């Protein structure tokens, strides 16, 4: 197959996979009935980044009254639990963790799908993904950008 056709097929497949992943992720919390601000609060608490009202307020840069109103609503909806005093800790409920897991994709079903591939197809996919990662990292380095270390050296150097 000519390079141009391969590139088009890759683009089409990548877009289709992104849509499928989006549908899978959004479907897990589509009924959450949260505003964008409330979703940010739930994600910050569920991730452990903000485990207190003070930390959450600093991160969001909102007034205490606004934060208290949001937290009251989220406690009422069952996404956040509080511990201790009014300035005390914030705990995510199971519902909040389900939303975080969906957004963070911590229950990645992709691994199950990959494991079901023919070994030759899986090997080709891994080689291609590794080569693409290397090209992306090399481009980033050449542009003077930062390449985060995810446990391995850049493959393009």
Protein backbone atom coordinates (compact mmCIF):
# COMPACT_ATOMS: atom_id res chain seq x y z
CA UNK A 1 0.00 0.00 0.00
CA UNK A 2 1.42 3.45 -0.88
CA UNK A 3 2.57 5.70 1.97
CA UNK A 4 -0.19 8.24 1.37
CA UNK A 5 -2.87 5.55 1.70
CA UNK A 6 -1.21 4.14 4.82
CA UNK A 7 -1.15 7.59 6.40
CA UNK A 8 -4.82 8.14 5.57
CA UNK A 9 -5.74 4.73 7.00
CA UNK A 10 -3.77 5.50 10.17
CA UNK A 11 -5.52 8.88 10.51
CA UNK A 12 -8.98 7.35 9.96
CA UNK A 13 -8.34 4.51 12.42
CA UNK A 14 -6.88 6.83 15.05
CA UNK A 15 -9.90 9.13 14.83
CA UNK A 16 -12.31 6.19 15.04
CA UNK A 17 -10.47 4.79 18.09
CA UNK A 18 -10.53 8.20 19.78
CA UNK A 19 -14.28 8.38 19.26
CA UNK A 20 -14.79 4.86 20.61
CA UNK A 21 -12.66 5.62 23.67
CA UNK A 22 -14.58 8.85 24.25
CA UNK A 23 -17.92 7.06 24.05
CA UNK A 24 -16.69 4.40 26.49
CA UNK A 25 -15.34 6.96 28.97
CA UNK A 26 -18.19 9.46 28.83
CA UNK A 27 -20.75 6.68 29.11
CA UNK A 28 -19.42 5.82 32.54
CA UNK A 29 -20.39 9.20 34.00
CA UNK A 30 -22.86 10.76 31.58
CA UNK A 31 -25.60 10.60 34.23
CA UNK A 32 -23.46 12.37 36.84
CA UNK A 33 -25.35 15.69 36.37
CA UNK A 34 -22.35 17.81 37.35
CA UNK A 35 -21.38 21.27 36.18
CA UNK A 36 -17.86 21.68 34.83
CA UNK A 37 -16.84 23.40 38.09
CA UNK A 38 -18.30 20.57 40.16
CA UNK A 39 -16.53 18.02 37.97
CA UNK A 40 -13.21 19.80 38.56
CA UNK A 41 -13.83 19.66 42.32
CA UNK A 42 -14.73 15.97 42.21
CA UNK A 43 -11.62 15.16 40.15
CA UNK A 44 -9.29 17.18 42.39
CA UNK A 45 -10.61 15.47 45.52
CA UNK A 46 -10.77 11.98 43.99
CA UNK A 47 -7.23 12.27 42.65
CA UNK A 48 -5.92 13.15 46.11
CA UNK A 49 -4.58 16.48 44.89
CA UNK A 50 -7.00 18.38 47.12
CA UNK A 51 -7.82 16.58 50.36
CA UNK A 52 -8.80 19.70 52.32
CA UNK A 53 -11.03 22.72 51.81
CA UNK A 54 -8.02 25.01 52.11
CA UNK A 55 -6.02 23.20 49.41
CA UNK A 56 -9.05 22.99 47.13
CA UNK A 57 -9.78 26.70 47.56
CA UNK A 58 -6.18 27.59 46.76
CA UNK A 59 -6.17 25.45 43.63
CA UNK A 60 -9.47 26.76 42.31
CA UNK A 61 -8.94 30.36 43.42
CA UNK A 62 -12.58 30.79 44.40
CA UNK A 63 -14.20 32.50 47.35
CA UNK A 64 -14.83 30.54 50.52
CA UNK A 65 -18.59 31.05 50.12
CA UNK A 66 -18.53 29.74 46.56
CA UNK A 67 -16.43 26.74 47.58
CA UNK A 68 -18.68 25.98 50.55
CA UNK A 69 -21.76 26.10 48.31
CA UNK A 70 -20.16 23.73 45.80
CA UNK A 71 -19.02 21.31 48.49
CA UNK A 72 -22.44 21.35 50.15
CA UNK A 73 -24.01 20.44 46.81
CA UNK A 74 -21.47 17.66 46.15
CA UNK A 75 -21.93 16.21 49.65
CA UNK A 76 -25.70 16.27 49.08
CA UNK A 77 -25.27 14.54 45.70
CA UNK A 78 -23.05 11.87 47.26
CA UNK A 79 -19.73 12.67 45.57
CA UNK A 80 -17.80 14.11 48.52
CA UNK A 81 -17.70 13.28 52.22
CA UNK A 82 -16.20 15.56 54.83
CA UNK A 83 -14.17 14.71 57.89
CA UNK A 84 -13.31 16.83 60.89
CA UNK A 85 -14.03 20.53 61.25
CA UNK A 86 -15.37 22.93 58.66
CA UNK A 87 -11.80 23.46 57.43
CA UNK A 88 -11.16 19.74 57.57
CA UNK A 89 -10.60 17.02 55.09
CA UNK A 90 -12.47 16.00 52.01
CA UNK A 91 -13.00 12.40 51.02
CA UNK A 92 -14.19 11.10 47.66
CA UNK A 93 -17.08 8.66 47.69
CA UNK A 94 -17.26 5.57 45.51
CA UNK A 95 -19.27 7.61 42.99
CA UNK A 96 -16.50 10.20 42.81
CA UNK A 97 -13.89 7.48 42.36
CA UNK A 98 -15.93 5.95 39.53
CA UNK A 99 -15.85 9.31 37.73
CA UNK A 100 -12.12 9.70 38.37
CA UNK A 101 -11.46 6.17 37.12
CA UNK A 102 -13.42 6.89 33.94
CA UNK A 103 -11.55 10.13 33.26
CA UNK A 104 -8.15 8.72 34.22
CA UNK A 105 -8.90 5.51 32.30
CA UNK A 106 -7.56 3.50 35.22
CA UNK A 107 -9.74 0.60 34.14
CA UNK A 108 -8.18 0.51 30.71
CA UNK A 109 -9.91 -2.14 28.64
CA UNK A 110 -7.40 -1.58 25.85
CA UNK A 111 -4.99 -4.04 27.49
CA UNK A 112 -7.63 -6.77 27.33
CA UNK A 113 -8.20 -6.04 23.65
CA UNK A 114 -4.45 -6.02 22.94
CA UNK A 115 -4.05 -9.36 24.71
CA UNK A 116 -6.66 -10.84 22.39
CA UNK A 117 -4.80 -9.83 19.21
CA UNK A 118 -2.90 -12.30 17.09
CA UNK A 119 0.71 -12.28 18.42
CA UNK A 120 2.07 -11.17 15.03
CA UNK A 121 -0.39 -8.27 14.88
CA UNK A 122 0.46 -7.29 18.45
CA UNK A 123 4.19 -7.37 17.69
CA UNK A 124 3.70 -5.17 14.60
CA UNK A 125 1.53 -2.75 16.59
CA UNK A 126 4.12 -2.49 19.36
CA UNK A 127 6.93 -1.88 16.85
CA UNK A 128 4.91 0.80 15.08
CA UNK A 129 3.86 2.49 18.32
CA UNK A 130 7.45 2.47 19.57
CA UNK A 131 8.69 4.00 16.31
CA UNK A 132 5.99 6.69 16.42
CA UNK A 133 6.85 7.51 20.03
CA UNK A 134 10.51 7.83 19.09
CA UNK A 135 9.70 10.18 16.22
CA UNK A 136 7.46 12.30 18.47
CA UNK A 137 10.10 12.50 21.21
CA UNK A 138 12.83 13.37 18.72
CA UNK A 139 10.67 16.12 17.22
CA UNK A 140 9.98 17.47 20.70
CA UNK A 141 13.69 17.46 21.57
CA UNK A 142 14.60 19.17 18.29
CA UNK A 143 12.00 21.84 19.05
CA UNK A 144 13.72 22.43 22.40
CA UNK A 145 10.82 21.02 24.37
CA UNK A 146 10.70 18.95 27.48
CA UNK A 147 10.21 15.21 27.14
CA UNK A 148 8.83 13.66 30.33
CA UNK A 149 10.55 10.52 31.54
CA UNK A 150 8.00 7.75 31.82
CA UNK A 151 10.45 5.11 32.86
CA UNK A 152 12.43 4.97 29.67
CA UNK A 153 14.85 7.13 27.76
CA UNK A 154 13.57 8.82 24.60
CA UNK A 155 13.60 6.30 21.78
CA UNK A 156 14.53 8.77 19.07
CA UNK A 157 17.96 9.70 20.42
